[in-house]
Amino acid sequence: MFTLEILTKDLHHNTQFLQSTLDSIPDAIMKHNPAPDKWSILTILDHLRVTDQSILRLGQSEASPTERDAMININKVKKVFQNHELQLPAPNAVLPKHDDKSKEELITELKDIRKATLAQGESLGWNGVLSNFSHPITGTMTRLEWLYFCIYHTERHIYQIEGIKNKLLAKK
């Protein structure tokens, strides 16, 4: 069952988990690509920021009422993002910007975006369907579903970040 308290706690925990993961990584390896065609840890963080910003922008659009159970899409997103065997290329709209921001700048922006997204949902409502964008896996989603998308998307990339960190540290 959805409550604002649970959502806020889940988002805060997820953001803190990302922060602590990043804090455990030496700055010297943040920009290193683990392979020629793979993103660096800093590039992944930039992608997370761009994705969350896109979701905040999407949330400004008009929503249509729905009676559907949000947990169906939330669980679908969770299942897909927890499948680390599945390759999920990022759509062009959420590719990293490569604007040379530091880890601190990116995480601060990400936190600000997430606060704004929470405020947006409180103001505009959580359960209306945002029909301006249809996700290839879930179709159209509500603000609530999109915020849990952010959480599970971040968890997926934390797993990826840990793998990159371990690979790069093993080379030293």
C-alpha atoms as a PDB file:
ATOM      1  CA  MET A   1       0.000   0.000   0.000  1.00  0.00           C
ATOM      2  CA  PHE A   2       1.257   3.443  -0.931  1.00  0.00           C
ATOM      3  CA  THR A   3       1.789   6.149   1.627  1.00  0.00           C
ATOM      4  CA  LEU A   4       3.733   9.365   1.199  1.00  0.00           C
ATOM      5  CA  GLU A   5       5.767   8.433   4.263  1.00  0.00           C
ATOM      6  CA  ILE A   6       6.872   5.110   2.741  1.00  0.00           C
ATOM      7  CA  LEU A   7       7.643   6.712  -0.637  1.00  0.00           C
ATOM      8  CA  THR A   8       9.695   9.470   0.987  1.00  0.00           C
ATOM      9  CA  LYS A   9      11.584   6.918   3.085  1.00  0.00           C
ATOM     10  CA  ASP A  10      12.243   4.677   0.065  1.00  0.00           C
ATOM     11  CA  LEU A  11      13.518   7.585  -2.023  1.00  0.00           C
ATOM     12  CA  HIS A  12      15.671   8.962   0.797  1.00  0.00           C
ATOM     13  CA  HIS A  13      17.161   5.524   1.520  1.00  0.00           C
ATOM     14  CA  ASN A  14      17.902   5.012  -2.187  1.00  0.00           C
ATOM     15  CA  THR A  15      19.558   8.429  -2.492  1.00  0.00           C
ATOM     16  CA  GLN A  16      21.642   7.835   0.644  1.00  0.00           C
ATOM     17  CA  PHE A  17      22.670   4.395  -0.650  1.00  0.00           C
ATOM     18  CA  LEU A  18      23.878   6.010  -3.871  1.00  0.00           C
ATOM     19  CA  GLN A  19      25.716   8.705  -1.902  1.00  0.00           C
ATOM     20  CA  SER A  20      27.462   6.181   0.358  1.00  0.00           C
ATOM     21  CA  THR A  21      28.389   4.027  -2.640  1.00  0.00           C
ATOM     22  CA  LEU A  22      29.938   7.030  -4.373  1.00  0.00           C
ATOM     23  CA  ASP A  23      31.701   8.130  -1.178  1.00  0.00           C
ATOM     24  CA  SER A  24      33.439   4.739  -1.079  1.00  0.00           C
ATOM     25  CA  ILE A  25      35.023   5.295  -4.491  1.00  0.00           C
ATOM     26  CA  PRO A  26      38.379   7.033  -4.830  1.00  0.00           C
ATOM     27  CA  ASP A  27      38.168  10.168  -6.980  1.00  0.00           C
ATOM     28  CA  ALA A  28      41.054   8.798  -9.061  1.00  0.00           C
ATOM     29  CA  ILE A  29      38.799   6.162 -10.649  1.00  0.00           C
ATOM     30  CA  MET A  30      35.539   8.146 -11.006  1.00  0.00           C
ATOM     31  CA  LYS A  31      36.262   9.138 -14.631  1.00  0.00           C
ATOM     32  CA  HIS A  32      37.909   5.896 -15.771  1.00  0.00           C
ATOM     33  CA  ASN A  33      35.962   3.809 -18.257  1.00  0.00           C
ATOM     34  CA  PRO A  34      36.117   0.098 -17.402  1.00  0.00           C
ATOM     35  CA  ALA A  35      36.231  -0.678 -21.152  1.00  0.00           C
ATOM     36  CA  PRO A  36      36.278   1.410 -24.323  1.00  0.00           C
ATOM     37  CA  ASP A  37      32.521   1.087 -24.911  1.00  0.00           C
ATOM     38  CA  LYS A  38      31.446   1.335 -21.241  1.00  0.00           C
ATOM     39  CA  TRP A  39      30.489   4.325 -19.114  1.00  0.00           C
ATOM     40  CA  SER A  40      32.619   5.586 -16.244  1.00  0.00           C
ATOM     41  CA  ILE A  41      31.122   5.881 -12.753  1.00  0.00           C
ATOM     42  CA  LEU A  42      30.828   9.651 -13.188  1.00  0.00           C
ATOM     43  CA  THR A  43      29.058   9.147 -16.529  1.00  0.00           C
ATOM     44  CA  ILE A  44      26.577   6.768 -14.858  1.00  0.00           C
ATOM     45  CA  LEU A  45      25.881   9.382 -12.184  1.00  0.00           C
ATOM     46  CA  ASP A  46      25.304  11.953 -14.930  1.00  0.00           C
ATOM     47  CA  HIS A  47      22.881   9.536 -16.627  1.00  0.00           C
ATOM     48  CA  LEU A  48      20.969   9.141 -13.349  1.00  0.00           C
ATOM     49  CA  ARG A  49      20.702  12.923 -13.044  1.00  0.00           C
ATOM     50  CA  VAL A  50      19.502  13.314 -16.655  1.00  0.00           C
ATOM     51  CA  THR A  51      16.959  10.501 -16.220  1.00  0.00           C
ATOM     52  CA  ASP A  52      15.555  11.926 -12.994  1.00  0.00           C
ATOM     53  CA  GLN A  53      15.397  15.395 -14.584  1.00  0.00           C
ATOM     54  CA  SER A  54      13.470  13.956 -17.545  1.00  0.00           C
ATOM     55  CA  ILE A  55      11.000  12.323 -15.162  1.00  0.00           C
ATOM     56  CA  LEU A  56      10.548  15.618 -13.300  1.00  0.00           C
ATOM     57  CA  ARG A  57       9.785  17.346 -16.628  1.00  0.00           C
ATOM     58  CA  LEU A  58       7.373  14.568 -17.616  1.00  0.00           C
ATOM     59  CA  GLY A  59       5.624  14.964 -14.264  1.00  0.00           C
ATOM     60  CA  GLN A  60       4.694  18.539 -15.174  1.00  0.00           C
ATOM     61  CA  SER A  61       2.376  17.259 -17.897  1.00  0.00           C
ATOM     62  CA  GLU A  62      -1.333  16.759 -17.428  1.00  0.00           C
ATOM     63  CA  ALA A  63      -2.364  13.421 -15.951  1.00  0.00           C
ATOM     64  CA  SER A  64      -5.465  11.341 -16.680  1.00  0.00           C
ATOM     65  CA  PRO A  65      -7.313   9.689 -13.790  1.00  0.00           C
ATOM     66  CA  THR A  66      -6.844   5.949 -13.347  1.00  0.00           C
ATOM     67  CA  GLU A  67      -8.018   3.276 -10.954  1.00  0.00           C
ATOM     68  CA  ARG A  68      -5.266   0.791 -11.771  1.00  0.00           C
ATOM     69  CA  ASP A  69      -3.064  -0.683  -9.083  1.00  0.00           C
ATOM     70  CA  ALA A  70       0.313   1.112  -9.269  1.00  0.00           C
ATOM     71  CA  MET A  71       2.058  -1.906  -7.742  1.00  0.00           C
ATOM     72  CA  ILE A  72       1.635  -3.826 -11.008  1.00  0.00           C
ATOM     73  CA  ASN A  73       3.900  -1.427 -12.927  1.00  0.00           C
ATOM     74  CA  ILE A  74       6.174  -0.834  -9.936  1.00  0.00           C
ATOM     75  CA  ASN A  75       6.790  -4.577  -9.588  1.00  0.00           C
ATOM     76  CA  LYS A  76       7.330  -4.895 -13.358  1.00  0.00           C
ATOM     77  CA  VAL A  77       9.964  -2.127 -13.239  1.00  0.00           C
ATOM     78  CA  LYS A  78      11.604  -3.722 -10.201  1.00  0.00           C
ATOM     79  CA  LYS A  79      11.755  -7.143 -11.861  1.00  0.00           C
ATOM     80  CA  VAL A  80      13.275  -5.790 -15.073  1.00  0.00           C
ATOM     81  CA  PHE A  81      15.870  -3.604 -13.320  1.00  0.00           C
ATOM     82  CA  GLN A  82      16.901  -6.408 -10.961  1.00  0.00           C
ATOM     83  CA  ASN A  83      17.652  -8.685 -13.918  1.00  0.00           C
ATOM     84  CA  HIS A  84      21.332  -7.860 -14.421  1.00  0.00           C
ATOM     85  CA  GLU A  85      21.608 -10.281 -17.334  1.00  0.00           C
ATOM     86  CA  LEU A  86      19.282  -8.069 -19.344  1.00  0.00           C
ATOM     87  CA  GLN A  87      20.947  -5.327 -21.402  1.00  0.00           C
ATOM     88  CA  LEU A  88      18.966  -2.095 -21.272  1.00  0.00           C
ATOM     89  CA  PRO A  89      20.448   0.558 -23.558  1.00  0.00           C
ATOM     90  CA  ALA A  90      19.583   4.122 -22.550  1.00  0.00           C
ATOM     91  CA  PRO A  91      17.312   6.036 -24.919  1.00  0.00           C
ATOM     92  CA  ASN A  92      18.877   9.125 -26.481  1.00  0.00           C
ATOM     93  CA  ALA A  93      16.759  11.441 -24.311  1.00  0.00           C
ATOM     94  CA  VAL A  94      18.497  10.255 -21.138  1.00  0.00           C
ATOM     95  CA  LEU A  95      22.063   9.845 -22.346  1.00  0.00           C
ATOM     96  CA  PRO A  96      24.628  11.569 -20.130  1.00  0.00           C
ATOM     97  CA  LYS A  97      25.317  15.227 -20.924  1.00  0.00           C
ATOM     98  CA  HIS A  98      29.099  14.986 -20.343  1.00  0.00           C
ATOM     99  CA  ASP A  99      29.175  18.540 -19.003  1.00  0.00           C
ATOM    100  CA  ASP A 100      32.247  18.019 -16.785  1.00  0.00           C
ATOM    101  CA  LYS A 101      30.394  18.343 -13.502  1.00  0.00           C
ATOM    102  CA  SER A 102      31.991  16.910 -10.403  1.00  0.00           C
ATOM    103  CA  LYS A 103      30.600  14.025  -8.378  1.00  0.00           C
ATOM    104  CA  GLU A 104      29.497  16.519  -5.713  1.00  0.00           C
ATOM    105  CA  GLU A 105      27.715  18.764  -8.229  1.00  0.00           C
ATOM    106  CA  LEU A 106      25.914  15.823  -9.837  1.00  0.00           C
ATOM    107  CA  ILE A 107      24.762  14.287  -6.548  1.00  0.00           C
ATOM    108  CA  THR A 108      23.588  17.691  -5.279  1.00  0.00           C
ATOM    109  CA  GLU A 109      21.588  18.232  -8.485  1.00  0.00           C
ATOM    110  CA  LEU A 110      20.150  14.714  -8.250  1.00  0.00           C
ATOM    111  CA  LYS A 111      19.039  15.326  -4.647  1.00  0.00           C
ATOM    112  CA  ASP A 112      17.434  18.646  -5.624  1.00  0.00           C
ATOM    113  CA  ILE A 113      15.617  17.000  -8.549  1.00  0.00           C
ATOM    114  CA  ARG A 114      14.298  14.261  -6.283  1.00  0.00           C
ATOM    115  CA  LYS A 115      13.034  16.793  -3.724  1.00  0.00           C
ATOM    116  CA  ALA A 116      11.288  18.673  -6.529  1.00  0.00           C
ATOM    117  CA  THR A 117       9.770  15.443  -7.863  1.00  0.00           C
ATOM    118  CA  LEU A 118       8.375  14.606  -4.425  1.00  0.00           C
ATOM    119  CA  ALA A 119       6.938  18.111  -4.090  1.00  0.00           C
ATOM    120  CA  GLN A 120       5.468  17.843  -7.583  1.00  0.00           C
ATOM    121  CA  GLY A 121       3.658  14.616  -6.738  1.00  0.00           C
ATOM    122  CA  GLU A 122       2.326  16.075  -3.498  1.00  0.00           C
ATOM    123  CA  SER A 123       1.063  19.117  -5.372  1.00  0.00           C
ATOM    124  CA  LEU A 124      -0.267  17.538  -8.579  1.00  0.00           C
ATOM    125  CA  GLY A 125      -1.176  14.058  -7.328  1.00  0.00           C
ATOM    126  CA  TRP A 126       0.437  10.649  -7.589  1.00  0.00           C
ATOM    127  CA  ASN A 127      -2.065   8.456  -9.384  1.00  0.00           C
ATOM    128  CA  GLY A 128      -2.905  10.114 -12.695  1.00  0.00           C
ATOM    129  CA  VAL A 129      -1.415   8.570 -15.841  1.00  0.00           C
ATOM    130  CA  LEU A 130       1.117  10.755 -17.656  1.00  0.00           C
ATOM    131  CA  SER A 131       0.378   9.953 -21.282  1.00  0.00           C
ATOM    132  CA  ASN A 132       3.076  12.180 -22.872  1.00  0.00           C
ATOM    133  CA  PHE A 133       5.558   9.298 -22.810  1.00  0.00           C
ATOM    134  CA  SER A 134       5.106   5.551 -23.056  1.00  0.00           C
ATOM    135  CA  HIS A 135       7.942   3.502 -21.602  1.00  0.00           C
ATOM    136  CA  PRO A 136       8.883   0.476 -23.760  1.00  0.00           C
ATOM    137  CA  ILE A 137       8.500  -1.911 -20.806  1.00  0.00           C
ATOM    138  CA  THR A 138       5.576  -0.535 -18.825  1.00  0.00           C
ATOM    139  CA  GLY A 139       3.781   1.830 -21.167  1.00  0.00           C
ATOM    140  CA  THR A 140       2.437   5.026 -19.650  1.00  0.00           C
ATOM    141  CA  MET A 141       2.949   5.473 -15.932  1.00  0.00           C
ATOM    142  CA  THR A 142       1.788   7.620 -13.043  1.00  0.00           C
ATOM    143  CA  ARG A 143       4.016  10.000 -11.058  1.00  0.00           C
ATOM    144  CA  LEU A 144       4.167   7.366  -8.314  1.00  0.00           C
ATOM    145  CA  GLU A 145       5.257   4.660 -10.746  1.00  0.00           C
ATOM    146  CA  TRP A 146       7.863   6.974 -12.270  1.00  0.00           C
ATOM    147  CA  LEU A 147       9.343   7.773  -8.865  1.00  0.00           C
ATOM    148  CA  TYR A 148       9.727   4.068  -8.126  1.00  0.00           C
ATOM    149  CA  PHE A 149      11.237   3.760 -11.604  1.00  0.00           C
ATOM    150  CA  CYS A 150      13.886   6.262 -10.383  1.00  0.00           C
ATOM    151  CA  ILE A 151      14.532   4.147  -7.292  1.00  0.00           C
ATOM    152  CA  TYR A 152      14.939   0.821  -9.114  1.00  0.00           C
ATOM    153  CA  HIS A 153      16.857   2.434 -11.962  1.00  0.00           C
ATOM    154  CA  THR A 154      19.292   3.852  -9.401  1.00  0.00           C
ATOM    155  CA  GLU A 155      19.611   0.472  -7.657  1.00  0.00           C
ATOM    156  CA  ARG A 156      20.490  -1.123 -10.991  1.00  0.00           C
ATOM    157  CA  HIS A 157      23.203   1.441 -11.595  1.00  0.00           C
ATOM    158  CA  ILE A 158      24.556   1.153  -8.040  1.00  0.00           C
ATOM    159  CA  TYR A 159      25.093  -2.536  -8.785  1.00  0.00           C
ATOM    160  CA  GLN A 160      26.876  -1.521 -11.993  1.00  0.00           C
ATOM    161  CA  ILE A 161      28.956   1.123 -10.161  1.00  0.00           C
ATOM    162  CA  GLU A 162      30.081  -1.435  -7.572  1.00  0.00           C
ATOM    163  CA  GLY A 163      31.175  -3.779 -10.357  1.00  0.00           C
ATOM    164  CA  ILE A 164      33.158  -1.036 -12.081  1.00  0.00           C
ATOM    165  CA  LYS A 165      34.753   0.022  -8.801  1.00  0.00           C
ATOM    166  CA  ASN A 166      35.832  -3.534  -8.012  1.00  0.00           C
ATOM    167  CA  LYS A 167      37.186  -4.081 -11.536  1.00  0.00           C
ATOM    168  CA  LEU A 168      39.182  -0.837 -11.548  1.00  0.00           C
ATOM    169  CA  LEU A 169      40.527  -1.299  -8.025  1.00  0.00           C
ATOM    170  CA  ALA A 170      41.622  -4.848  -8.860  1.00  0.00           C
ATOM    171  CA  LYS A 171      43.761  -3.471 -11.691  1.00  0.00           C
ATOM    172  CA  LYS A 172      45.767  -1.285  -9.318  1.00  0.00           C
END
